[in-house]
Amino acid sequence: MKMSRLRFNFGFLLEADFGTIRLIELDYPTIKLSEDVTLTPLTGSFTATRTTEGIYIQGQLQSALSMECVRCLEETIVPVDISLDELFYYPPHNAPPGEPFVGEDGMIDLGPLVRELSLLGVPIKVLCRPDCLGLCQECGANLNYGDCDCVEEEIDPRLATLQQLLNQEERR
């Protein structure tokens, strides 16, 4: 398995006095966190603080994800702000179930945490632009590049009466 580029050795901090702080700066042009998440770029900084319970990670990272617009399916770049605020317990057996911990080797892999927070920072509906027109329902043409050649179909005869009512409303 490939080593994560967000894996840090905090063994030195585990040996330090409580309250010892280290600032870590990140500046990756691109970083692949998993098969489905590649951040381009990943910048920012965080502090690692030795506490009585382990190592507390706190900081701000900035990045962007390449995603698909939900209307036109074009690729779009979505900026993501990531706020790190996590306690990694040490020794590992002191960690409550499901909580992150520092490995016996002093290593912390921030990759899974950064991946999760970056995905949580993405809007539910990703749009390439607020006024995206999407795709034609008939031919699939991207309406952002102009109208398609589709002809409006005749209305379903069962709904013709409704269309007449709408037309009357428009004339008023």
Protein backbone atom coordinates (compact mmCIF):
# COMPACT_ATOMS: atom_id res chain seq x y z
CA MET A 1 0.00 0.00 0.00
CA LYS A 2 1.26 3.47 -0.92
CA MET A 3 2.19 5.75 1.97
CA SER A 4 -0.05 8.77 2.42
CA ARG A 5 1.57 12.15 1.83
CA LEU A 6 -0.47 13.46 4.77
CA ARG A 7 1.13 11.01 7.21
CA PHE A 8 3.17 12.79 9.87
CA ASN A 9 5.53 11.50 12.55
CA PHE A 10 4.65 13.16 15.86
CA GLY A 11 6.82 10.88 17.98
CA PHE A 12 8.93 13.89 19.01
CA LEU A 13 5.77 15.64 20.23
CA LEU A 14 4.69 12.65 22.32
CA GLU A 15 7.96 12.96 24.24
CA ALA A 16 7.55 16.74 24.70
CA ASP A 17 5.94 18.56 27.64
CA PHE A 18 2.18 19.06 27.64
CA GLY A 19 1.33 22.27 25.81
CA THR A 20 4.17 21.99 23.27
CA ILE A 21 3.00 23.25 19.87
CA ARG A 22 4.35 22.70 16.34
CA LEU A 23 3.16 24.60 13.28
CA ILE A 24 3.06 22.63 10.04
CA GLU A 25 2.64 24.34 6.66
CA LEU A 26 1.22 22.46 3.67
CA ASP A 27 1.70 23.38 0.03
CA TYR A 28 0.92 20.48 -2.29
CA PRO A 29 0.28 21.32 -5.98
CA THR A 30 -1.91 18.21 -6.13
CA ILE A 31 -2.55 15.33 -3.76
CA LYS A 32 -4.58 12.17 -4.34
CA LEU A 33 -6.32 11.13 -1.12
CA SER A 34 -8.29 8.21 -2.56
CA GLU A 35 -9.57 6.88 -5.87
CA ASP A 36 -12.42 9.42 -5.81
CA VAL A 37 -10.74 12.48 -4.25
CA THR A 38 -7.82 14.47 -5.68
CA LEU A 39 -7.23 17.92 -4.26
CA THR A 40 -5.52 20.53 -6.46
CA PRO A 41 -3.85 22.34 -4.73
CA LEU A 42 -3.83 21.71 -0.98
CA THR A 43 -2.44 24.64 0.99
CA GLY A 44 -2.67 26.01 4.51
CA SER A 45 -1.31 25.27 7.94
CA PHE A 46 -2.19 23.51 11.14
CA THR A 47 -0.84 23.24 14.65
CA ALA A 48 -0.17 20.04 16.51
CA THR A 49 -0.38 20.49 20.28
CA ARG A 50 0.66 17.91 22.89
CA THR A 51 -2.16 17.51 25.41
CA THR A 52 -2.66 15.19 28.35
CA GLU A 53 -4.91 13.04 26.15
CA GLY A 54 -2.79 12.96 22.98
CA ILE A 55 -2.19 15.35 20.08
CA TYR A 56 -4.67 18.05 19.16
CA ILE A 57 -4.68 19.08 15.48
CA GLN A 58 -6.19 22.45 14.59
CA GLY A 59 -5.89 24.53 11.42
CA GLN A 60 -7.24 25.78 8.11
CA LEU A 61 -6.56 24.26 4.70
CA GLN A 62 -7.71 25.46 1.28
CA SER A 63 -8.16 23.36 -1.81
CA ALA A 64 -10.35 22.62 -4.80
CA LEU A 65 -12.01 19.53 -6.25
CA SER A 66 -12.87 18.79 -9.85
CA MET A 67 -16.54 17.78 -9.94
CA GLU A 68 -19.41 17.41 -12.40
CA CYS A 69 -22.10 20.09 -12.72
CA VAL A 70 -25.47 18.53 -11.84
CA ARG A 71 -27.24 20.34 -14.69
CA CYS A 72 -24.90 20.18 -17.70
CA LEU A 73 -22.45 17.45 -16.58
CA GLU A 74 -19.44 19.65 -17.49
CA GLU A 75 -16.38 19.48 -15.28
CA THR A 76 -16.14 22.36 -12.83
CA ILE A 77 -13.68 23.31 -10.11
CA VAL A 78 -15.21 23.61 -6.63
CA PRO A 79 -13.22 25.51 -3.97
CA VAL A 80 -13.15 23.80 -0.56
CA ASP A 81 -12.21 25.20 2.84
CA ILE A 82 -11.16 22.57 5.36
CA SER A 83 -11.17 23.26 9.11
CA LEU A 84 -9.10 20.80 11.09
CA ASP A 85 -10.17 20.39 14.72
CA GLU A 86 -9.44 16.87 15.96
CA LEU A 87 -7.90 15.17 18.98
CA PHE A 88 -5.79 12.09 18.29
CA TYR A 89 -5.63 10.05 21.47
CA TYR A 90 -2.41 8.63 22.88
CA PRO A 91 -1.82 5.95 23.96
CA PRO A 92 -4.18 4.23 21.51
CA HIS A 93 -5.92 2.11 24.17
CA ASN A 94 -7.18 5.35 25.82
CA ALA A 95 -9.16 6.31 22.69
CA PRO A 96 -12.94 5.94 22.95
CA PRO A 97 -14.37 3.56 20.34
CA GLY A 98 -14.35 5.11 16.87
CA GLU A 99 -12.12 8.04 17.84
CA PRO A 100 -8.79 8.67 16.06
CA PHE A 101 -5.54 7.87 17.81
CA VAL A 102 -1.80 8.26 17.37
CA GLY A 103 -0.19 5.01 16.23
CA GLU A 104 2.32 3.28 18.51
CA ASP A 105 4.97 4.49 16.06
CA GLY A 106 3.95 8.13 16.65
CA MET A 107 2.37 8.45 13.20
CA ILE A 108 -0.85 10.30 12.36
CA ASP A 109 -2.37 9.96 8.89
CA LEU A 110 -4.47 13.05 8.21
CA GLY A 111 -5.47 11.74 4.75
CA PRO A 112 -8.79 10.14 5.78
CA LEU A 113 -9.77 13.19 7.87
CA VAL A 114 -8.89 15.69 5.11
CA ARG A 115 -10.76 13.53 2.54
CA GLU A 116 -13.89 13.42 4.71
CA LEU A 117 -13.82 17.15 5.49
CA SER A 118 -13.20 18.09 1.85
CA LEU A 119 -16.21 16.04 0.71
CA LEU A 120 -18.35 17.56 3.47
CA GLY A 121 -17.32 21.02 2.22
CA VAL A 122 -18.72 20.44 -1.28
CA PRO A 123 -22.20 21.86 -1.94
CA ILE A 124 -25.00 19.31 -2.37
CA LYS A 125 -25.77 20.67 -5.87
CA VAL A 126 -22.54 21.44 -7.72
CA LEU A 127 -23.13 23.99 -10.49
CA CYS A 128 -20.61 25.21 -13.06
CA ARG A 129 -22.27 28.63 -12.73
CA PRO A 130 -25.46 29.84 -11.00
CA ASP A 131 -27.35 30.37 -14.29
CA CYS A 132 -26.41 27.01 -15.86
CA LEU A 133 -29.10 26.02 -18.38
CA GLY A 134 -28.34 22.30 -18.28
CA LEU A 135 -29.01 19.76 -21.02
CA CYS A 136 -31.90 19.49 -23.47
CA GLN A 137 -34.21 16.74 -22.25
CA GLU A 138 -34.73 15.51 -25.79
CA CYS A 139 -31.35 15.51 -27.52
CA GLY A 140 -28.93 16.05 -24.62
CA ALA A 141 -27.32 19.18 -26.09
CA ASN A 142 -25.65 21.53 -23.62
CA LEU A 143 -27.96 24.58 -23.63
CA ASN A 144 -25.16 26.80 -22.26
CA TYR A 145 -23.64 26.75 -25.78
CA GLY A 146 -26.87 27.73 -27.52
CA ASP A 147 -30.30 26.39 -28.40
CA CYS A 148 -30.68 22.93 -29.82
CA ASP A 149 -32.63 21.99 -32.95
CA CYS A 150 -35.36 20.12 -31.11
CA VAL A 151 -38.93 20.93 -32.07
CA GLU A 152 -41.42 21.36 -29.28
CA GLU A 153 -43.64 18.32 -29.26
CA GLU A 154 -47.38 18.41 -29.35
CA ILE A 155 -48.93 18.25 -25.94
CA ASP A 156 -50.39 14.99 -24.66
CA PRO A 157 -54.10 15.07 -25.58
CA ARG A 158 -55.01 14.23 -21.99
CA LEU A 159 -53.36 17.48 -20.86
CA ALA A 160 -54.64 19.69 -23.69
CA THR A 161 -57.36 21.22 -21.49
CA LEU A 162 -54.74 22.28 -18.95
CA GLN A 163 -52.71 23.90 -21.73
CA GLN A 164 -55.78 25.84 -22.84
CA LEU A 165 -56.28 27.12 -19.29
CA LEU A 166 -52.64 28.21 -19.09
CA ASN A 167 -52.90 29.98 -22.43
CA GLN A 168 -56.02 31.83 -21.20
CA GLU A 169 -54.13 32.94 -18.06
CA GLU A 170 -51.26 34.28 -20.16
CA ARG A 171 -53.64 36.36 -22.30
CA ARG A 172 -55.11 38.12 -19.27
